[in-house]
Amino acid sequence: MPRATLLDRFFAAAIDALLVAIVVNLLPIWRIFPFWRGSGDDPDFIVFMLLAYHAAFWAWKSTTVGSIICNLRLVRIDGAPLRPVDAIVRALSSVLSGAAFGLGFFTIGVDSNRERQGWHDKIAGTLVVRVPKDWPLP
């Protein structure tokens, strides 16, 4: 399968972020987390919800709503099915990719990176691929 470009992944992530922001702003879902002491408009809560959203969708269907719209899927390098632990590791390591001023994400667009992996992909052993429009969900 062809690898997803940085732009493909950016659009999918933007759609996902918009969906999470809408849900967080419309529903008081921050109240169902007893450990959360802030409010729903706290930026840390939005980041927490984005990580939880991505990890849950990747573990469940190897994709997210934004990735479905952009025809992207997450696969393991060795060809085995994506496991929940892979999804969690990838979600948590994406914090590292972003914490370094986004450098871990921008490495996806570097020409020498033929697999188009970000730091979080390398850590989790995953690839993001483009699939045909009629490709079924797992």
Protein backbone atom coordinates (compact mmCIF):
# COMPACT_ATOMS: atom_id res chain seq x y z
CA MET A 1 0.00 0.00 0.00
CA PRO A 2 1.23 3.53 -0.65
CA ARG A 3 2.27 5.51 2.42
CA ALA A 4 0.20 8.47 3.54
CA THR A 5 1.79 11.86 3.03
CA LEU A 6 2.23 14.49 5.72
CA LEU A 7 -0.62 16.48 4.15
CA ASP A 8 -2.96 13.44 4.14
CA ARG A 9 -2.25 12.84 7.79
CA PHE A 10 -2.62 16.54 8.64
CA PHE A 11 -6.12 16.70 7.13
CA ALA A 12 -7.19 13.52 8.92
CA ALA A 13 -5.83 14.88 12.23
CA ALA A 14 -7.60 18.21 11.69
CA ILE A 15 -10.93 16.45 11.15
CA ASP A 16 -10.38 14.34 14.27
CA ALA A 17 -9.44 17.40 16.35
CA LEU A 18 -12.55 19.23 15.16
CA LEU A 19 -14.78 16.28 16.09
CA VAL A 20 -13.22 15.95 19.55
CA ALA A 21 -13.51 19.71 20.14
CA ILE A 22 -17.19 19.67 19.16
CA VAL A 23 -17.96 16.74 21.47
CA VAL A 24 -16.01 18.22 24.39
CA ASN A 25 -17.70 21.60 23.98
CA LEU A 26 -21.24 20.26 23.52
CA LEU A 27 -21.24 17.53 26.14
CA PRO A 28 -20.00 17.84 29.73
CA ILE A 29 -18.00 14.63 29.32
CA TRP A 30 -15.20 15.92 31.53
CA ARG A 31 -17.52 15.20 34.48
CA ILE A 32 -17.38 11.44 33.91
CA PHE A 33 -13.67 11.42 34.73
CA PRO A 34 -13.49 11.52 38.55
CA PHE A 35 -9.74 12.21 38.47
CA TRP A 36 -10.19 15.37 36.37
CA ARG A 37 -10.31 18.49 38.54
CA GLY A 38 -10.44 21.10 35.79
CA SER A 39 -13.20 22.07 33.40
CA GLY A 40 -13.98 20.84 29.91
CA ASP A 41 -12.38 23.87 28.24
CA ASP A 42 -8.99 23.17 29.82
CA PRO A 43 -6.41 22.64 27.03
CA ASP A 44 -4.92 19.70 28.93
CA PHE A 45 -8.32 18.00 28.86
CA ILE A 46 -8.59 18.49 25.10
CA VAL A 47 -5.15 16.85 24.67
CA PHE A 48 -6.20 14.01 26.99
CA MET A 49 -9.39 13.47 24.99
CA LEU A 50 -7.50 13.52 21.67
CA LEU A 51 -5.11 10.86 22.96
CA ALA A 52 -7.96 8.74 24.32
CA TYR A 53 -9.97 9.16 21.09
CA HIS A 54 -7.06 8.13 18.87
CA ALA A 55 -5.97 5.20 21.04
CA ALA A 56 -9.54 3.88 21.25
CA PHE A 57 -10.26 4.15 17.52
CA TRP A 58 -6.86 2.74 16.52
CA ALA A 59 -7.32 -0.21 18.87
CA TRP A 60 -10.90 -0.79 17.65
CA LYS A 61 -10.70 -0.26 13.87
CA SER A 62 -7.07 0.70 13.07
CA THR A 63 -8.33 4.08 11.91
CA THR A 64 -10.20 7.19 13.08
CA VAL A 65 -13.13 9.11 11.62
CA GLY A 66 -10.77 11.63 10.01
CA SER A 67 -8.66 8.82 8.58
CA ILE A 68 -11.74 7.08 7.17
CA ILE A 69 -12.68 10.29 5.37
CA CYS A 70 -9.10 10.63 4.04
CA ASN A 71 -8.86 6.88 3.17
CA LEU A 72 -6.04 6.15 5.63
CA ARG A 73 -5.39 3.08 7.79
CA LEU A 74 -2.87 2.26 10.48
CA VAL A 75 -0.92 -0.99 10.02
CA ARG A 76 1.96 -2.69 11.79
CA ILE A 77 5.29 -2.92 10.00
CA ASP A 78 5.36 -6.71 10.30
CA GLY A 79 1.92 -7.07 8.71
CA ALA A 80 0.27 -8.43 11.87
CA PRO A 81 -3.05 -6.96 13.03
CA LEU A 82 -2.79 -3.84 15.15
CA ARG A 83 -3.05 -4.67 18.86
CA PRO A 84 -4.49 -2.39 21.57
CA VAL A 85 -1.02 -2.03 23.10
CA ASP A 86 0.28 -0.74 19.74
CA ALA A 87 -2.47 1.88 19.68
CA ILE A 88 -1.72 3.01 23.24
CA VAL A 89 2.05 3.16 22.66
CA ARG A 90 1.51 5.15 19.46
CA ALA A 91 -0.86 7.59 21.16
CA LEU A 92 1.44 8.18 24.12
CA SER A 93 4.55 8.47 21.98
CA SER A 94 2.81 11.06 19.80
CA VAL A 95 3.18 13.38 22.80
CA LEU A 96 6.96 13.05 22.33
CA SER A 97 6.61 13.87 18.63
CA GLY A 98 4.70 17.03 19.48
CA ALA A 99 6.73 18.03 22.54
CA ALA A 100 9.86 18.49 20.43
CA PHE A 101 8.27 21.49 18.70
CA GLY A 102 6.46 19.11 16.35
CA LEU A 103 9.71 17.78 14.91
CA GLY A 104 8.55 14.19 15.35
CA PHE A 105 5.60 14.91 13.06
CA PHE A 106 7.51 16.90 10.46
CA THR A 107 9.97 14.05 9.91
CA ILE A 108 7.09 12.37 8.03
CA GLY A 109 7.66 14.79 5.15
CA VAL A 110 11.45 14.35 4.92
CA ASP A 111 12.45 12.85 1.57
CA SER A 112 14.94 10.39 3.08
CA ASN A 113 12.13 8.92 5.20
CA ARG A 114 10.72 6.54 2.55
CA GLU A 115 8.30 4.86 4.97
CA ARG A 116 6.96 8.30 5.99
CA GLN A 117 7.08 7.44 9.66
CA GLY A 118 6.92 9.96 12.46
CA TRP A 119 8.77 9.32 15.70
CA HIS A 120 5.59 7.87 17.20
CA ASP A 121 5.29 5.45 14.23
CA LYS A 122 8.88 4.29 14.68
CA ILE A 123 8.38 3.74 18.41
CA ALA A 124 5.12 1.81 17.92
CA GLY A 125 6.26 -0.04 14.79
CA THR A 126 3.41 1.26 12.64
CA LEU A 127 2.79 2.79 9.22
CA VAL A 128 -0.05 4.93 7.90
CA VAL A 129 -1.17 3.78 4.46
CA ARG A 130 -3.60 5.04 1.83
CA VAL A 131 -6.33 2.56 0.98
CA PRO A 132 -8.88 2.47 -1.86
CA LYS A 133 -12.19 4.23 -1.23
CA ASP A 134 -14.12 0.98 -1.08
CA TRP A 135 -11.68 -0.68 1.37
CA PRO A 136 -13.69 -2.30 4.21
CA LEU A 137 -13.08 -1.51 7.85
CA PRO A 138 -11.57 -4.35 9.93
